N, C-alpha and C. Protein backbone atom coordinates (compact mmCIF):
# COMPACT_ATOMS: atom_id res chain seq x y z
N MET A 1 0.81 -1.17 0.01
CA MET A 1 0.00 0.01 0.00
C MET A 1 0.84 1.26 0.02
N ARG A 2 1.87 1.24 0.87
CA ARG A 2 2.75 2.43 1.02
C ARG A 2 3.49 2.68 -0.37
N TRP A 3 4.00 1.70 -1.04
CA TRP A 3 4.76 1.84 -2.33
C TRP A 3 3.89 2.40 -3.41
N THR A 4 2.66 1.98 -3.44
CA THR A 4 1.83 2.41 -4.62
C THR A 4 0.73 3.49 -4.35
N GLY A 5 0.37 3.63 -3.05
CA GLY A 5 -0.77 4.49 -2.67
C GLY A 5 -2.11 3.88 -2.82
N ALA A 6 -2.07 2.66 -3.21
CA ALA A 6 -3.37 1.87 -3.43
C ALA A 6 -3.94 1.52 -2.00
N GLY A 7 -5.34 1.44 -2.05
CA GLY A 7 -6.02 1.17 -0.88
C GLY A 7 -5.85 -0.22 -0.38
N GLU A 8 -6.20 -0.57 0.82
CA GLU A 8 -6.04 -1.90 1.48
C GLU A 8 -6.84 -2.97 0.70
N ARG A 9 -8.06 -2.59 0.45
CA ARG A 9 -8.92 -3.56 -0.29
C ARG A 9 -8.29 -3.95 -1.71
N THR A 10 -7.81 -2.92 -2.34
CA THR A 10 -7.17 -3.14 -3.65
C THR A 10 -5.94 -4.01 -3.57
N VAL A 11 -5.09 -3.78 -2.58
CA VAL A 11 -3.92 -4.59 -2.47
C VAL A 11 -4.34 -6.05 -2.09
N LYS A 12 -5.34 -6.18 -1.24
CA LYS A 12 -5.75 -7.55 -0.85
C LYS A 12 -6.27 -8.30 -2.07
N ASN A 13 -7.05 -7.57 -2.90
CA ASN A 13 -7.40 -8.23 -4.19
C ASN A 13 -6.30 -8.64 -4.99
N TRP A 14 -5.18 -7.89 -5.15
CA TRP A 14 -3.92 -8.33 -5.85
C TRP A 14 -3.39 -9.54 -5.28
N LEU A 15 -3.22 -9.61 -3.97
CA LEU A 15 -2.60 -10.75 -3.24
C LEU A 15 -3.50 -12.00 -3.41
N ALA A 16 -4.82 -11.86 -3.49
CA ALA A 16 -5.76 -12.95 -3.57
C ALA A 16 -5.82 -13.38 -5.07
N GLY A 17 -5.27 -12.67 -6.02
CA GLY A 17 -5.41 -13.05 -7.35
C GLY A 17 -6.69 -12.60 -8.06
N ILE A 18 -7.46 -11.76 -7.36
CA ILE A 18 -8.72 -11.39 -7.89
C ILE A 18 -8.51 -10.38 -9.07
N SER A 19 -7.55 -9.53 -8.79
CA SER A 19 -7.21 -8.46 -9.85
C SER A 19 -5.77 -8.24 -9.71
N GLY A 20 -5.31 -7.45 -10.70
CA GLY A 20 -3.83 -7.13 -10.71
C GLY A 20 -3.78 -5.64 -10.69
N PRO A 21 -2.56 -5.17 -10.35
CA PRO A 21 -2.29 -3.67 -10.26
C PRO A 21 -2.35 -3.04 -11.64
N SER A 22 -2.80 -1.79 -11.59
CA SER A 22 -2.89 -0.96 -12.91
C SER A 22 -1.45 -0.79 -13.30
N GLY A 23 -1.27 -0.14 -14.50
CA GLY A 23 0.08 0.14 -15.08
C GLY A 23 0.89 0.98 -14.11
N GLN A 24 0.37 2.06 -13.65
CA GLN A 24 1.21 2.88 -12.70
C GLN A 24 1.53 2.11 -11.39
N HIS A 25 0.66 1.47 -10.86
CA HIS A 25 0.89 0.63 -9.66
C HIS A 25 1.93 -0.33 -9.93
N LEU A 26 1.86 -0.97 -11.06
CA LEU A 26 2.90 -2.00 -11.39
C LEU A 26 4.23 -1.41 -11.51
N VAL A 27 4.34 -0.20 -12.10
CA VAL A 27 5.59 0.60 -12.19
C VAL A 27 6.11 0.85 -10.84
N ASP A 28 5.18 1.31 -9.94
CA ASP A 28 5.56 1.60 -8.58
C ASP A 28 6.17 0.38 -7.82
N LEU A 29 5.55 -0.78 -8.08
CA LEU A 29 5.89 -2.00 -7.37
C LEU A 29 7.26 -2.42 -7.95
N MET A 30 7.55 -2.21 -9.21
CA MET A 30 8.80 -2.73 -9.86
C MET A 30 9.94 -1.70 -9.28
N ARG A 31 9.56 -0.46 -9.14
CA ARG A 31 10.55 0.48 -8.69
C ARG A 31 11.03 0.13 -7.30
N HIS A 32 10.17 -0.40 -6.47
CA HIS A 32 10.52 -0.77 -5.06
C HIS A 32 10.95 -2.20 -4.82
N SER A 33 10.64 -3.08 -5.73
CA SER A 33 10.96 -4.43 -5.53
C SER A 33 11.65 -5.14 -6.67
N ASP A 34 12.85 -5.56 -6.53
CA ASP A 34 13.64 -6.23 -7.54
C ASP A 34 12.96 -7.55 -7.89
N ASP A 35 12.29 -8.19 -6.85
CA ASP A 35 11.61 -9.41 -7.13
C ASP A 35 10.41 -9.28 -8.10
N VAL A 36 9.70 -8.14 -8.03
CA VAL A 36 8.54 -7.98 -8.82
C VAL A 36 9.09 -7.76 -10.21
N LEU A 37 10.17 -6.92 -10.32
CA LEU A 37 10.69 -6.72 -11.68
C LEU A 37 11.22 -8.02 -12.31
N GLN A 38 11.85 -8.83 -11.57
CA GLN A 38 12.47 -10.08 -12.09
C GLN A 38 11.31 -10.98 -12.49
N VAL A 39 10.22 -11.04 -11.77
CA VAL A 39 9.15 -11.97 -12.16
C VAL A 39 8.49 -11.46 -13.55
N LEU A 40 8.41 -10.14 -13.59
CA LEU A 40 7.74 -9.60 -14.81
C LEU A 40 8.72 -9.88 -16.06
N LEU A 41 10.04 -9.75 -15.79
CA LEU A 41 10.94 -10.07 -16.91
C LEU A 41 10.90 -11.49 -17.36
N ILE A 42 10.79 -12.42 -16.34
CA ILE A 42 10.79 -13.83 -16.61
C ILE A 42 9.44 -14.21 -17.37
N LEU A 43 8.31 -13.55 -16.90
CA LEU A 43 7.04 -13.78 -17.56
C LEU A 43 7.09 -13.27 -19.00
N ASP A 44 7.91 -12.23 -19.25
CA ASP A 44 8.14 -11.76 -20.64
C ASP A 44 9.05 -12.46 -21.46
N GLY A 45 9.62 -13.52 -20.90
CA GLY A 45 10.64 -14.30 -21.67
C GLY A 45 11.99 -13.72 -21.68
N ARG A 46 12.31 -12.90 -20.71
CA ARG A 46 13.59 -12.17 -20.71
C ARG A 46 14.43 -12.68 -19.58
N GLN A 47 14.53 -14.07 -19.48
CA GLN A 47 15.35 -14.71 -18.46
C GLN A 47 16.85 -14.24 -18.54
N GLN A 48 17.33 -13.99 -19.64
CA GLN A 48 18.74 -13.61 -19.88
C GLN A 48 18.96 -12.23 -19.22
N THR A 49 18.01 -11.39 -19.28
CA THR A 49 18.16 -10.15 -18.60
C THR A 49 18.21 -10.19 -17.16
N VAL A 50 17.48 -11.18 -16.65
CA VAL A 50 17.53 -11.37 -15.15
C VAL A 50 18.84 -12.07 -14.71
N ALA A 51 19.25 -12.98 -15.61
CA ALA A 51 20.56 -13.62 -15.24
C ALA A 51 21.73 -12.67 -15.27
N VAL A 52 21.75 -11.76 -16.28
CA VAL A 52 22.80 -10.75 -16.34
C VAL A 52 22.81 -9.82 -15.12
N GLN A 53 21.58 -9.42 -14.68
CA GLN A 53 21.45 -8.49 -13.62
C GLN A 53 21.95 -9.24 -12.27
N ARG A 54 21.61 -10.56 -12.17
CA ARG A 54 22.10 -11.29 -11.02
C ARG A 54 23.60 -11.43 -10.95
N LEU A 55 24.22 -11.57 -12.24
CA LEU A 55 25.63 -11.63 -12.27
C LEU A 55 26.26 -10.30 -11.83
N VAL A 56 25.66 -9.19 -12.25
CA VAL A 56 26.17 -7.80 -11.98
C VAL A 56 26.03 -7.65 -10.37
N ASP A 57 24.93 -8.04 -9.77
CA ASP A 57 24.75 -7.95 -8.33
C ASP A 57 25.72 -8.82 -7.59
N LEU A 58 25.94 -9.99 -8.06
CA LEU A 58 26.95 -10.93 -7.40
C LEU A 58 28.38 -10.28 -7.53
N ARG A 59 28.69 -9.74 -8.73
CA ARG A 59 30.05 -9.12 -8.86
C ARG A 59 30.22 -7.98 -7.93
N ASN A 60 29.20 -7.06 -7.76
CA ASN A 60 29.22 -6.00 -6.78
C ASN A 60 29.36 -6.46 -5.37
N LYS A 61 28.72 -7.51 -4.92
CA LYS A 61 28.78 -7.96 -3.62
C LYS A 61 30.23 -8.59 -3.34
N LEU A 62 30.72 -9.36 -4.38
CA LEU A 62 32.06 -9.91 -4.31
C LEU A 62 33.13 -8.77 -4.11
N ALA A 63 33.00 -7.71 -4.91
CA ALA A 63 33.99 -6.59 -4.77
C ALA A 63 33.89 -5.92 -3.35
N GLU A 64 32.61 -5.84 -2.88
CA GLU A 64 32.45 -5.26 -1.60
C GLU A 64 33.13 -6.13 -0.52
N MET A 65 32.96 -7.48 -0.61
CA MET A 65 33.56 -8.42 0.30
C MET A 65 35.15 -8.39 0.18
N VAL A 66 35.63 -8.29 -0.98
CA VAL A 66 37.13 -8.20 -1.15
C VAL A 66 37.60 -6.95 -0.48
N GLU A 67 36.87 -5.85 -0.60
CA GLU A 67 37.24 -4.59 0.09
C GLU A 67 37.27 -4.72 1.60
N HIS A 68 36.21 -5.43 2.08
CA HIS A 68 36.22 -5.61 3.55
C HIS A 68 37.39 -6.51 4.08
N ILE A 69 37.67 -7.52 3.23
CA ILE A 69 38.73 -8.43 3.48
C ILE A 69 40.11 -7.66 3.54
N ASP A 70 40.30 -6.78 2.54
CA ASP A 70 41.45 -5.92 2.49
C ASP A 70 41.59 -5.06 3.69
N ILE A 71 40.47 -4.45 4.03
CA ILE A 71 40.43 -3.51 5.26
C ILE A 71 40.81 -4.28 6.51
N SER A 72 40.22 -5.50 6.62
CA SER A 72 40.49 -6.30 7.77
C SER A 72 41.93 -6.77 7.86
N MET A 73 42.53 -6.95 6.72
CA MET A 73 43.94 -7.28 6.66
C MET A 73 44.97 -6.06 6.69
N GLY A 74 44.34 -4.92 6.76
CA GLY A 74 45.11 -3.69 6.93
C GLY A 74 45.76 -3.23 5.60
N GLU A 75 45.21 -3.66 4.50
CA GLU A 75 45.77 -3.30 3.23
C GLU A 75 45.16 -2.03 2.77
N ASP A 76 45.90 -1.17 1.97
CA ASP A 76 45.34 0.07 1.44
C ASP A 76 44.49 -0.19 0.22
N THR A 77 43.20 0.09 0.30
CA THR A 77 42.28 -0.20 -0.78
C THR A 77 42.15 1.09 -1.72
N THR A 78 42.93 2.14 -1.38
CA THR A 78 42.77 3.36 -2.25
C THR A 78 43.63 3.18 -3.51
N ALA A 79 44.52 2.26 -3.53
CA ALA A 79 45.50 2.07 -4.62
C ALA A 79 44.78 1.42 -5.85
N ARG A 80 43.58 0.93 -5.71
CA ARG A 80 42.90 0.26 -6.80
C ARG A 80 42.28 1.26 -7.68
């Protein structure tokens, strides 16, 4: 409700599968939820787009972890 401004009854109908969100509500949901965006891309047959985004996310997490390891080991991370 907070993400879309939709009423409680409307959102309950979405969750029950009685109806779906309007175009703008759907855009609002995608803006706030990567899961909603991924499901819509998969339903549209764009699994490759989802896979690429997951790889980018994993790469970013890995880079962050390497930085934390370097900091923990006392290495200078500004040289990169």
